[in-house]
Amino acid sequence: PLFLKNCCNANVNSNINIYRSDIGEPEHYALIIGEPDYSNPLVRIHSSCYTGDLLDSLSCDCRSQLHLSIKLMVENKGGIILYLAQDGRGIGLTNKIRTYQLQIQYNFDTVDANRFFGFEDDERVFIAAIKILEKLGISKLQLLTNNPNKAEEIKKYGINITKILPIFVDINQHNINYINTKAKRLGHVS
């Protein structure tokens, strides 16, 4: 079971809800922005990215996607960011740093680097997101994502996705290969 706690407000009209399981899994968060229409809210399911979200790495598009999602939600009077502890497409920060080393030293792309260490292309599971959506009473939503596989996973659990809205962010010399690899090898929209 998960529990919910409203803990603080930010400059953007928002609340952070914290979800913790009773079996020692990492905490996940729901950032409720403005006053979302819970009958069909704008939702971003965002996997944590410490290098991008916190350190402003130029090697990925995570932080840009997160900030653009928040901007779109503010403009639309509300939305929900589910911030899941799944760094590195579910392999964790330490393993993500290991894959970065392969990408730098041997010119691996993000998919080949994951596979080198025995990981799937995408190790994420979205059961926590489903449970959070259920706790929030959401069965229908508009999903902000460039990842059609994420949308399919969410639909498997009975969530009705009324619209998929891609998040187009600026490409730079540091993330162009990463974004192209996600498009060509993982089926992401770019």
C-alpha atoms as a PDB file:
ATOM      1  CA  PRO A   1       0.000   0.000   0.000  1.00  0.00           C
ATOM      2  CA  LEU A   2       1.014   3.563  -0.618  1.00  0.00           C
ATOM      3  CA  PHE A   3       0.374   6.564   1.559  1.00  0.00           C
ATOM      4  CA  LEU A   4      -0.155  10.149   0.580  1.00  0.00           C
ATOM      5  CA  LYS A   5       1.190  13.215   2.305  1.00  0.00           C
ATOM      6  CA  ASN A   6       0.869  16.823   1.199  1.00  0.00           C
ATOM      7  CA  CYS A   7       4.105  18.337   2.368  1.00  0.00           C
ATOM      8  CA  CYS A   8       4.803  21.720   0.801  1.00  0.00           C
ATOM      9  CA  ASN A   9       4.023  24.375  -1.758  1.00  0.00           C
ATOM     10  CA  ALA A  10       6.376  25.916  -4.330  1.00  0.00           C
ATOM     11  CA  ASN A  11       6.485  29.111  -6.406  1.00  0.00           C
ATOM     12  CA  VAL A  12       4.262  27.401  -8.956  1.00  0.00           C
ATOM     13  CA  ASN A  13       0.837  26.734  -7.440  1.00  0.00           C
ATOM     14  CA  SER A  14       1.559  23.123  -6.555  1.00  0.00           C
ATOM     15  CA  ASN A  15       1.564  20.397  -3.948  1.00  0.00           C
ATOM     16  CA  ILE A  16       3.932  17.467  -3.642  1.00  0.00           C
ATOM     17  CA  ASN A  17       2.382  14.155  -2.698  1.00  0.00           C
ATOM     18  CA  ILE A  18       4.794  11.488  -1.471  1.00  0.00           C
ATOM     19  CA  TYR A  19       4.121   7.810  -2.069  1.00  0.00           C
ATOM     20  CA  ARG A  20       5.966   5.084  -0.229  1.00  0.00           C
ATOM     21  CA  SER A  21       5.346   1.359  -0.305  1.00  0.00           C
ATOM     22  CA  ASP A  22       5.572  -0.796   2.783  1.00  0.00           C
ATOM     23  CA  ILE A  23       8.087  -3.175   1.176  1.00  0.00           C
ATOM     24  CA  GLY A  24      11.095  -0.860   1.024  1.00  0.00           C
ATOM     25  CA  GLU A  25      10.784   0.377  -2.544  1.00  0.00           C
ATOM     26  CA  PRO A  26      11.950   3.924  -3.298  1.00  0.00           C
ATOM     27  CA  GLU A  27       9.624   6.850  -2.798  1.00  0.00           C
ATOM     28  CA  HIS A  28       7.792   8.268  -5.779  1.00  0.00           C
ATOM     29  CA  TYR A  29       6.189  11.703  -6.031  1.00  0.00           C
ATOM     30  CA  ALA A  30       3.187  13.361  -7.593  1.00  0.00           C
ATOM     31  CA  LEU A  31       3.563  17.072  -8.216  1.00  0.00           C
ATOM     32  CA  ILE A  32       0.051  18.481  -8.479  1.00  0.00           C
ATOM     33  CA  ILE A  33       0.278  21.708 -10.446  1.00  0.00           C
ATOM     34  CA  GLY A  34      -2.549  24.219 -10.273  1.00  0.00           C
ATOM     35  CA  GLU A  35      -6.016  22.716 -10.249  1.00  0.00           C
ATOM     36  CA  PRO A  36      -5.995  19.809 -12.699  1.00  0.00           C
ATOM     37  CA  ASP A  37      -9.205  18.422 -14.127  1.00  0.00           C
ATOM     38  CA  TYR A  38      -9.077  15.003 -12.457  1.00  0.00           C
ATOM     39  CA  SER A  39     -11.594  13.620 -14.967  1.00  0.00           C
ATOM     40  CA  ASN A  40      -8.980  13.909 -17.764  1.00  0.00           C
ATOM     41  CA  PRO A  41      -5.812  15.622 -16.474  1.00  0.00           C
ATOM     42  CA  LEU A  42      -2.633  16.490 -18.287  1.00  0.00           C
ATOM     43  CA  VAL A  43      -0.046  14.005 -16.905  1.00  0.00           C
ATOM     44  CA  ARG A  44       3.700  13.574 -17.311  1.00  0.00           C
ATOM     45  CA  ILE A  45       5.182  10.311 -16.011  1.00  0.00           C
ATOM     46  CA  HIS A  46       8.782  11.368 -15.517  1.00  0.00           C
ATOM     47  CA  SER A  47      11.587   9.057 -14.457  1.00  0.00           C
ATOM     48  CA  SER A  48      14.115  10.688 -12.172  1.00  0.00           C
ATOM     49  CA  CYS A  49      17.294  11.828 -13.883  1.00  0.00           C
ATOM     50  CA  TYR A  50      19.825  13.075 -11.375  1.00  0.00           C
ATOM     51  CA  THR A  51      22.332  14.095 -14.046  1.00  0.00           C
ATOM     52  CA  GLY A  52      19.739  15.998 -16.072  1.00  0.00           C
ATOM     53  CA  ASP A  53      17.192  17.192 -13.529  1.00  0.00           C
ATOM     54  CA  LEU A  54      19.693  18.185 -10.822  1.00  0.00           C
ATOM     55  CA  LEU A  55      23.006  18.760 -12.593  1.00  0.00           C
ATOM     56  CA  ASP A  56      21.529  20.209 -15.801  1.00  0.00           C
ATOM     57  CA  SER A  57      23.411  17.739 -17.998  1.00  0.00           C
ATOM     58  CA  LEU A  58      23.312  18.583 -21.686  1.00  0.00           C
ATOM     59  CA  SER A  59      23.661  14.886 -22.605  1.00  0.00           C
ATOM     60  CA  CYS A  60      19.956  14.122 -22.271  1.00  0.00           C
ATOM     61  CA  ASP A  61      16.615  15.857 -22.726  1.00  0.00           C
ATOM     62  CA  CYS A  62      15.116  14.929 -19.346  1.00  0.00           C
ATOM     63  CA  ARG A  63      15.303  18.302 -17.602  1.00  0.00           C
ATOM     64  CA  SER A  64      14.005  20.120 -20.670  1.00  0.00           C
ATOM     65  CA  GLN A  65      11.072  17.708 -20.929  1.00  0.00           C
ATOM     66  CA  LEU A  66      10.286  18.122 -17.228  1.00  0.00           C
ATOM     67  CA  HIS A  67      10.371  21.925 -17.355  1.00  0.00           C
ATOM     68  CA  LEU A  68       8.370  22.121 -20.576  1.00  0.00           C
ATOM     69  CA  SER A  69       5.770  19.787 -19.042  1.00  0.00           C
ATOM     70  CA  ILE A  70       5.445  22.046 -16.001  1.00  0.00           C
ATOM     71  CA  LYS A  71       5.153  25.106 -18.273  1.00  0.00           C
ATOM     72  CA  LEU A  72       2.388  23.441 -20.314  1.00  0.00           C
ATOM     73  CA  MET A  73       0.543  22.491 -17.132  1.00  0.00           C
ATOM     74  CA  VAL A  74       0.741  26.029 -15.764  1.00  0.00           C
ATOM     75  CA  GLU A  75      -0.569  27.372 -19.088  1.00  0.00           C
ATOM     76  CA  ASN A  76      -3.429  24.843 -18.983  1.00  0.00           C
ATOM     77  CA  LYS A  77      -4.393  25.694 -15.371  1.00  0.00           C
ATOM     78  CA  GLY A  78      -3.196  22.364 -14.010  1.00  0.00           C
ATOM     79  CA  GLY A  79      -1.648  18.968 -14.418  1.00  0.00           C
ATOM     80  CA  ILE A  80       0.200  16.206 -12.639  1.00  0.00           C
ATOM     81  CA  ILE A  81       3.852  15.182 -12.788  1.00  0.00           C
ATOM     82  CA  LEU A  82       4.481  11.656 -11.532  1.00  0.00           C
ATOM     83  CA  TYR A  83       8.169  11.677 -10.601  1.00  0.00           C
ATOM     84  CA  LEU A  84       9.308   8.068 -10.389  1.00  0.00           C
ATOM     85  CA  ALA A  85      12.597   6.845  -8.903  1.00  0.00           C
ATOM     86  CA  GLN A  86      13.755   5.079 -12.081  1.00  0.00           C
ATOM     87  CA  ASP A  87      16.956   6.831 -13.128  1.00  0.00           C
ATOM     88  CA  GLY A  88      18.649   5.610 -16.293  1.00  0.00           C
ATOM     89  CA  ARG A  89      15.495   3.998 -17.733  1.00  0.00           C
ATOM     90  CA  GLY A  90      15.292   1.907 -14.585  1.00  0.00           C
ATOM     91  CA  ILE A  91      18.926   0.808 -14.121  1.00  0.00           C
ATOM     92  CA  GLY A  92      19.732   3.351 -11.399  1.00  0.00           C
ATOM     93  CA  LEU A  93      22.242   6.165 -11.160  1.00  0.00           C
ATOM     94  CA  THR A  94      25.335   4.017 -10.557  1.00  0.00           C
ATOM     95  CA  ASN A  95      24.681   1.817 -13.567  1.00  0.00           C
ATOM     96  CA  LYS A  96      23.768   4.845 -15.660  1.00  0.00           C
ATOM     97  CA  ILE A  97      27.179   6.360 -14.871  1.00  0.00           C
ATOM     98  CA  ARG A  98      28.779   3.036 -15.893  1.00  0.00           C
ATOM     99  CA  THR A  99      26.935   3.173 -19.229  1.00  0.00           C
ATOM    100  CA  TYR A 100      28.048   6.796 -19.693  1.00  0.00           C
ATOM    101  CA  GLN A 101      31.660   5.616 -19.430  1.00  0.00           C
ATOM    102  CA  LEU A 102      31.091   3.122 -22.263  1.00  0.00           C
ATOM    103  CA  GLN A 103      29.470   5.812 -24.351  1.00  0.00           C
ATOM    104  CA  ILE A 104      32.438   8.126 -23.838  1.00  0.00           C
ATOM    105  CA  GLN A 105      35.279   5.592 -24.078  1.00  0.00           C
ATOM    106  CA  TYR A 106      33.943   3.270 -26.783  1.00  0.00           C
ATOM    107  CA  ASN A 107      31.339   5.376 -28.585  1.00  0.00           C
ATOM    108  CA  PHE A 108      28.494   3.058 -27.536  1.00  0.00           C
ATOM    109  CA  ASP A 109      24.992   4.423 -27.841  1.00  0.00           C
ATOM    110  CA  THR A 110      22.626   4.321 -24.870  1.00  0.00           C
ATOM    111  CA  VAL A 111      21.010   1.039 -25.962  1.00  0.00           C
ATOM    112  CA  ASP A 112      24.268  -0.846 -26.593  1.00  0.00           C
ATOM    113  CA  ALA A 113      25.706   0.423 -23.302  1.00  0.00           C
ATOM    114  CA  ASN A 114      22.699  -0.946 -21.398  1.00  0.00           C
ATOM    115  CA  ARG A 115      22.940  -4.283 -23.198  1.00  0.00           C
ATOM    116  CA  PHE A 116      26.688  -4.539 -22.500  1.00  0.00           C
ATOM    117  CA  PHE A 117      25.895  -4.682 -18.776  1.00  0.00           C
ATOM    118  CA  GLY A 118      23.030  -7.158 -19.280  1.00  0.00           C
ATOM    119  CA  PHE A 119      20.165  -4.699 -18.994  1.00  0.00           C
ATOM    120  CA  GLU A 120      17.114  -4.461 -21.202  1.00  0.00           C
ATOM    121  CA  ASP A 121      16.798  -1.396 -23.403  1.00  0.00           C
ATOM    122  CA  ASP A 122      14.288  -0.031 -20.876  1.00  0.00           C
ATOM    123  CA  GLU A 123      14.060  -1.598 -17.405  1.00  0.00           C
ATOM    124  CA  ARG A 124      11.290   0.655 -16.125  1.00  0.00           C
ATOM    125  CA  VAL A 125       8.011  -0.639 -14.787  1.00  0.00           C
ATOM    126  CA  PHE A 126       5.055   1.626 -14.292  1.00  0.00           C
ATOM    127  CA  ILE A 127       3.106  -0.169 -11.554  1.00  0.00           C
ATOM    128  CA  ALA A 128       3.932   2.634  -9.093  1.00  0.00           C
ATOM    129  CA  ALA A 129       2.520   5.165 -11.574  1.00  0.00           C
ATOM    130  CA  ILE A 130      -0.665   3.116 -11.913  1.00  0.00           C
ATOM    131  CA  LYS A 131      -1.071   2.903  -8.128  1.00  0.00           C
ATOM    132  CA  ILE A 132      -0.545   6.644  -7.758  1.00  0.00           C
ATOM    133  CA  LEU A 133      -3.081   7.366 -10.496  1.00  0.00           C
ATOM    134  CA  GLU A 134      -5.548   5.059  -8.722  1.00  0.00           C
ATOM    135  CA  LYS A 135      -4.934   6.852  -5.393  1.00  0.00           C
ATOM    136  CA  LEU A 136      -5.640  10.148  -7.152  1.00  0.00           C
ATOM    137  CA  GLY A 137      -8.838   8.730  -8.662  1.00  0.00           C
ATOM    138  CA  ILE A 138      -7.577   9.038 -12.235  1.00  0.00           C
ATOM    139  CA  SER A 139      -8.667   6.496 -14.835  1.00  0.00           C
ATOM    140  CA  LYS A 140      -8.440   8.759 -17.888  1.00  0.00           C
ATOM    141  CA  LEU A 141      -5.663  11.199 -18.839  1.00  0.00           C
ATOM    142  CA  GLN A 142      -3.766  13.151 -21.475  1.00  0.00           C
ATOM    143  CA  LEU A 143      -0.168  11.883 -21.481  1.00  0.00           C
ATOM    144  CA  LEU A 144       2.840  14.115 -22.136  1.00  0.00           C
ATOM    145  CA  THR A 145       5.454  11.758 -23.596  1.00  0.00           C
ATOM    146  CA  ASN A 146       7.643  11.018 -26.582  1.00  0.00           C
ATOM    147  CA  ASN A 147       7.649   7.324 -25.669  1.00  0.00           C
ATOM    148  CA  PRO A 148       4.817   5.285 -27.234  1.00  0.00           C
ATOM    149  CA  ASN A 149       5.925   2.224 -25.238  1.00  0.00           C
ATOM    150  CA  LYS A 150       5.199   4.086 -21.999  1.00  0.00           C
ATOM    151  CA  ALA A 151       1.695   4.842 -23.239  1.00  0.00           C
ATOM    152  CA  GLU A 152       1.125   1.174 -24.117  1.00  0.00           C
ATOM    153  CA  GLU A 153       2.323   0.050 -20.675  1.00  0.00           C
ATOM    154  CA  ILE A 154      -0.060   2.467 -18.959  1.00  0.00           C
ATOM    155  CA  LYS A 155      -2.977   1.314 -21.127  1.00  0.00           C
ATOM    156  CA  LYS A 156      -2.328  -2.324 -20.128  1.00  0.00           C
ATOM    157  CA  TYR A 157      -3.474  -1.450 -16.616  1.00  0.00           C
ATOM    158  CA  GLY A 158      -6.787  -0.019 -17.745  1.00  0.00           C
ATOM    159  CA  ILE A 159      -5.888   3.664 -17.855  1.00  0.00           C
ATOM    160  CA  ASN A 160      -7.629   5.391 -20.756  1.00  0.00           C
ATOM    161  CA  ILE A 161      -5.202   7.700 -22.556  1.00  0.00           C
ATOM    162  CA  THR A 162      -7.351  10.217 -24.399  1.00  0.00           C
ATOM    163  CA  LYS A 163      -4.432  12.026 -26.026  1.00  0.00           C
ATOM    164  CA  ILE A 164      -0.671  11.579 -26.354  1.00  0.00           C
ATOM    165  CA  LEU A 165       1.123  14.913 -26.492  1.00  0.00           C
ATOM    166  CA  PRO A 166       4.792  14.808 -27.537  1.00  0.00           C
ATOM    167  CA  ILE A 167       7.276  17.073 -25.782  1.00  0.00           C
ATOM    168  CA  PHE A 168       9.642  18.594 -28.320  1.00  0.00           C
ATOM    169  CA  VAL A 169      12.671  20.217 -26.740  1.00  0.00           C
ATOM    170  CA  ASP A 170      15.825  21.774 -28.117  1.00  0.00           C
ATOM    171  CA  ILE A 171      18.494  19.427 -29.408  1.00  0.00           C
ATOM    172  CA  ASN A 172      22.141  20.295 -28.830  1.00  0.00           C
ATOM    173  CA  GLN A 173      25.489  18.841 -29.865  1.00  0.00           C
ATOM    174  CA  HIS A 174      25.685  16.866 -26.601  1.00  0.00           C
ATOM    175  CA  ASN A 175      22.296  15.122 -26.770  1.00  0.00           C
ATOM    176  CA  ILE A 176      21.678  14.710 -30.502  1.00  0.00           C
ATOM    177  CA  ASN A 177      23.023  11.141 -30.620  1.00  0.00           C
ATOM    178  CA  TYR A 178      21.042  10.193 -27.516  1.00  0.00           C
ATOM    179  CA  ILE A 179      17.795  11.602 -28.926  1.00  0.00           C
ATOM    180  CA  ASN A 180      18.398  10.017 -32.332  1.00  0.00           C
ATOM    181  CA  THR A 181      19.103   6.642 -30.695  1.00  0.00           C
ATOM    182  CA  LYS A 182      15.894   6.854 -28.673  1.00  0.00           C
ATOM    183  CA  ALA A 183      13.990   7.575 -31.887  1.00  0.00           C
ATOM    184  CA  LYS A 184      15.640   4.942 -34.090  1.00  0.00           C
ATOM    185  CA  ARG A 185      16.116   2.123 -31.601  1.00  0.00           C
ATOM    186  CA  LEU A 186      13.456   2.687 -28.935  1.00  0.00           C
ATOM    187  CA  GLY A 187      10.647   4.106 -31.072  1.00  0.00           C
ATOM    188  CA  HIS A 188      10.458   7.504 -29.385  1.00  0.00           C
ATOM    189  CA  VAL A 189       9.030  10.510 -31.180  1.00  0.00           C
ATOM    190  CA  SER A 190      11.644  13.186 -31.831  1.00  0.00           C
END
